[in-house]
Structure formats: C-alpha cells, structure tokens
Amino acid sequence: MAFAVHVNINRCTGCGNCVKACPVNALELYTIDPVTKDKIYTVKDGKAISLDVKAELCAGCGVCVGACPYQVITLSGRGETGMLANI
C-alpha cells in the first residue's frame, strides 16, 4: 500500500535527528545560499529551509517520525494496515 511523508518545515529546527536516524538515507536537510542558490548542508541561524524526502529511497518505516522531537514529520497511508500504527 502507498504512503505519504508529510513535513511541516515551518516547525523544523534543523536539528538533523531525522537525517541521522534514517536507515536508508532518504532525507536531505539543507539551506540555500542566497547568492549562488547552491545547497548548503549546514543549518543557518538554527533554521532549516528545506527537508527533502527522496521518495525512491523511503521505505516508510517511520524511524524519522520517532527521531523528531518536534513532531515535524508524519506518515499517512500505511496506517490502515497497522504497519505504522505504533508510530
């Protein structure tokens, strides 16, 4: 069954816990250089601008959800099967 990953980037502090916890490296946290528009893989001013989920890698395991202390990431779609019910 399909699932969706939802990220509330407005609440993200850029702590990186989700990125470190992901067993398949499906998450990418970065800010954008205002001049070059390049990705910068460190958080500036304590704020992340973008948290990308690489859908082709994401297994829907929910490890990132549990790793986030601010409840920024949620999963939907697989809960009906009970596979992610404990997250």
C-alpha atoms as a PDB file:
ATOM      1  CA  MET A   1       0.000   0.000   0.000  1.00  0.00           C
ATOM      2  CA  ALA A   2       1.203   3.502  -0.801  1.00  0.00           C
ATOM      3  CA  PHE A   3       2.136   6.016   1.865  1.00  0.00           C
ATOM      4  CA  ALA A   4       2.973   9.698   2.038  1.00  0.00           C
ATOM      5  CA  VAL A   5       5.550  11.569   4.082  1.00  0.00           C
ATOM      6  CA  HIS A   6       4.445  14.992   5.328  1.00  0.00           C
ATOM      7  CA  VAL A   7       6.929  17.584   6.608  1.00  0.00           C
ATOM      8  CA  ASN A   8       5.900  20.759   8.448  1.00  0.00           C
ATOM      9  CA  ILE A   9       9.015  22.745   7.578  1.00  0.00           C
ATOM     10  CA  ASN A  10       7.724  25.786   9.475  1.00  0.00           C
ATOM     11  CA  ARG A  11       8.245  23.869  12.726  1.00  0.00           C
ATOM     12  CA  CYS A  12      11.576  22.287  11.754  1.00  0.00           C
ATOM     13  CA  THR A  13      14.517  23.462  13.862  1.00  0.00           C
ATOM     14  CA  GLY A  14      17.127  21.816  11.664  1.00  0.00           C
ATOM     15  CA  CYS A  15      18.388  19.535  14.417  1.00  0.00           C
ATOM     16  CA  GLY A  16      19.084  16.775  11.878  1.00  0.00           C
ATOM     17  CA  ASN A  17      17.869  13.923  14.088  1.00  0.00           C
ATOM     18  CA  CYS A  18      15.668  12.586  11.295  1.00  0.00           C
ATOM     19  CA  VAL A  19      18.511  12.629   8.760  1.00  0.00           C
ATOM     20  CA  LYS A  20      20.841  10.781  11.140  1.00  0.00           C
ATOM     21  CA  ALA A  21      18.175   8.220  12.072  1.00  0.00           C
ATOM     22  CA  CYS A  22      17.038   7.325   8.549  1.00  0.00           C
ATOM     23  CA  PRO A  23      18.357   3.821   7.779  1.00  0.00           C
ATOM     24  CA  VAL A  24      18.137   4.320   4.003  1.00  0.00           C
ATOM     25  CA  ASN A  25      19.429   7.923   3.716  1.00  0.00           C
ATOM     26  CA  ALA A  26      16.134   9.135   2.247  1.00  0.00           C
ATOM     27  CA  LEU A  27      16.224  12.548   3.945  1.00  0.00           C
ATOM     28  CA  GLU A  28      18.256  15.605   2.976  1.00  0.00           C
ATOM     29  CA  LEU A  29      18.310  18.739   5.179  1.00  0.00           C
ATOM     30  CA  TYR A  30      19.827  21.909   3.800  1.00  0.00           C
ATOM     31  CA  THR A  31      19.639  25.666   3.428  1.00  0.00           C
ATOM     32  CA  ILE A  32      20.044  27.613   0.209  1.00  0.00           C
ATOM     33  CA  ASP A  33      22.899  30.058  -0.375  1.00  0.00           C
ATOM     34  CA  PRO A  34      21.140  33.326  -1.228  1.00  0.00           C
ATOM     35  CA  VAL A  35      23.763  34.292  -3.808  1.00  0.00           C
ATOM     36  CA  THR A  36      24.651  31.076  -5.609  1.00  0.00           C
ATOM     37  CA  LYS A  37      21.403  29.163  -4.865  1.00  0.00           C
ATOM     38  CA  ASP A  38      23.574  26.151  -4.015  1.00  0.00           C
ATOM     39  CA  LYS A  39      22.563  23.716  -1.307  1.00  0.00           C
ATOM     40  CA  ILE A  40      24.410  24.220   1.985  1.00  0.00           C
ATOM     41  CA  TYR A  41      24.353  21.153   4.191  1.00  0.00           C
ATOM     42  CA  THR A  42      24.580  23.032   7.459  1.00  0.00           C
ATOM     43  CA  VAL A  43      21.716  24.833   9.092  1.00  0.00           C
ATOM     44  CA  LYS A  44      21.992  28.626   9.276  1.00  0.00           C
ATOM     45  CA  ASP A  45      20.575  30.627  12.158  1.00  0.00           C
ATOM     46  CA  GLY A  46      19.111  27.466  13.662  1.00  0.00           C
ATOM     47  CA  LYS A  47      16.615  27.105  10.833  1.00  0.00           C
ATOM     48  CA  ALA A  48      16.369  24.631   8.005  1.00  0.00           C
ATOM     49  CA  ILE A  49      14.911  25.859   4.765  1.00  0.00           C
ATOM     50  CA  SER A  50      14.320  22.514   3.129  1.00  0.00           C
ATOM     51  CA  LEU A  51      13.947  18.901   4.185  1.00  0.00           C
ATOM     52  CA  ASP A  52      13.701  16.744   1.096  1.00  0.00           C
ATOM     53  CA  VAL A  53      12.367  13.215   1.170  1.00  0.00           C
ATOM     54  CA  LYS A  54      13.749  11.024  -1.583  1.00  0.00           C
ATOM     55  CA  ALA A  55      10.616   9.007  -2.309  1.00  0.00           C
ATOM     56  CA  GLU A  56      12.518   6.412  -4.321  1.00  0.00           C
ATOM     57  CA  LEU A  57      14.565   5.515  -1.229  1.00  0.00           C
ATOM     58  CA  CYS A  58      11.997   5.965   1.540  1.00  0.00           C
ATOM     59  CA  ALA A  59      10.768   2.645   2.947  1.00  0.00           C
ATOM     60  CA  GLY A  60       8.000   4.174   5.050  1.00  0.00           C
ATOM     61  CA  CYS A  61       9.488   2.664   8.206  1.00  0.00           C
ATOM     62  CA  GLY A  62       8.740   5.727  10.354  1.00  0.00           C
ATOM     63  CA  VAL A  63      12.139   5.908  12.056  1.00  0.00           C
ATOM     64  CA  CYS A  64      12.351   9.610  11.146  1.00  0.00           C
ATOM     65  CA  VAL A  65       8.982  10.268  12.792  1.00  0.00           C
ATOM     66  CA  GLY A  66      10.207   8.808  16.069  1.00  0.00           C
ATOM     67  CA  ALA A  67      13.532  10.637  15.846  1.00  0.00           C
ATOM     68  CA  CYS A  68      11.975  14.090  15.503  1.00  0.00           C
ATOM     69  CA  PRO A  69      11.490  15.719  18.923  1.00  0.00           C
ATOM     70  CA  TYR A  70       9.237  18.408  17.395  1.00  0.00           C
ATOM     71  CA  GLN A  71       6.740  16.188  15.546  1.00  0.00           C
ATOM     72  CA  VAL A  72       7.614  17.782  12.217  1.00  0.00           C
ATOM     73  CA  ILE A  73       7.338  14.584  10.147  1.00  0.00           C
ATOM     74  CA  THR A  74       4.244  12.416   9.807  1.00  0.00           C
ATOM     75  CA  LEU A  75       3.399   9.416   7.653  1.00  0.00           C
ATOM     76  CA  SER A  76      -0.004   8.630   6.243  1.00  0.00           C
ATOM     77  CA  GLY A  77      -1.480   5.924   4.087  1.00  0.00           C
ATOM     78  CA  ARG A  78       0.033   2.795   5.594  1.00  0.00           C
ATOM     79  CA  GLY A  79      -1.597   3.169   8.988  1.00  0.00           C
ATOM     80  CA  GLU A  80      -4.712   1.362   7.801  1.00  0.00           C
ATOM     81  CA  THR A  81      -2.705  -1.847   7.593  1.00  0.00           C
ATOM     82  CA  GLY A  82      -1.384  -1.444  11.104  1.00  0.00           C
ATOM     83  CA  MET A  83       2.219  -1.433   9.889  1.00  0.00           C
ATOM     84  CA  LEU A  84       2.873   2.054  11.262  1.00  0.00           C
ATOM     85  CA  ALA A  85       0.202   2.107  13.956  1.00  0.00           C
ATOM     86  CA  ASN A  86       2.708   2.361  16.811  1.00  0.00           C
ATOM     87  CA  ILE A  87       4.426   5.447  15.442  1.00  0.00           C
END
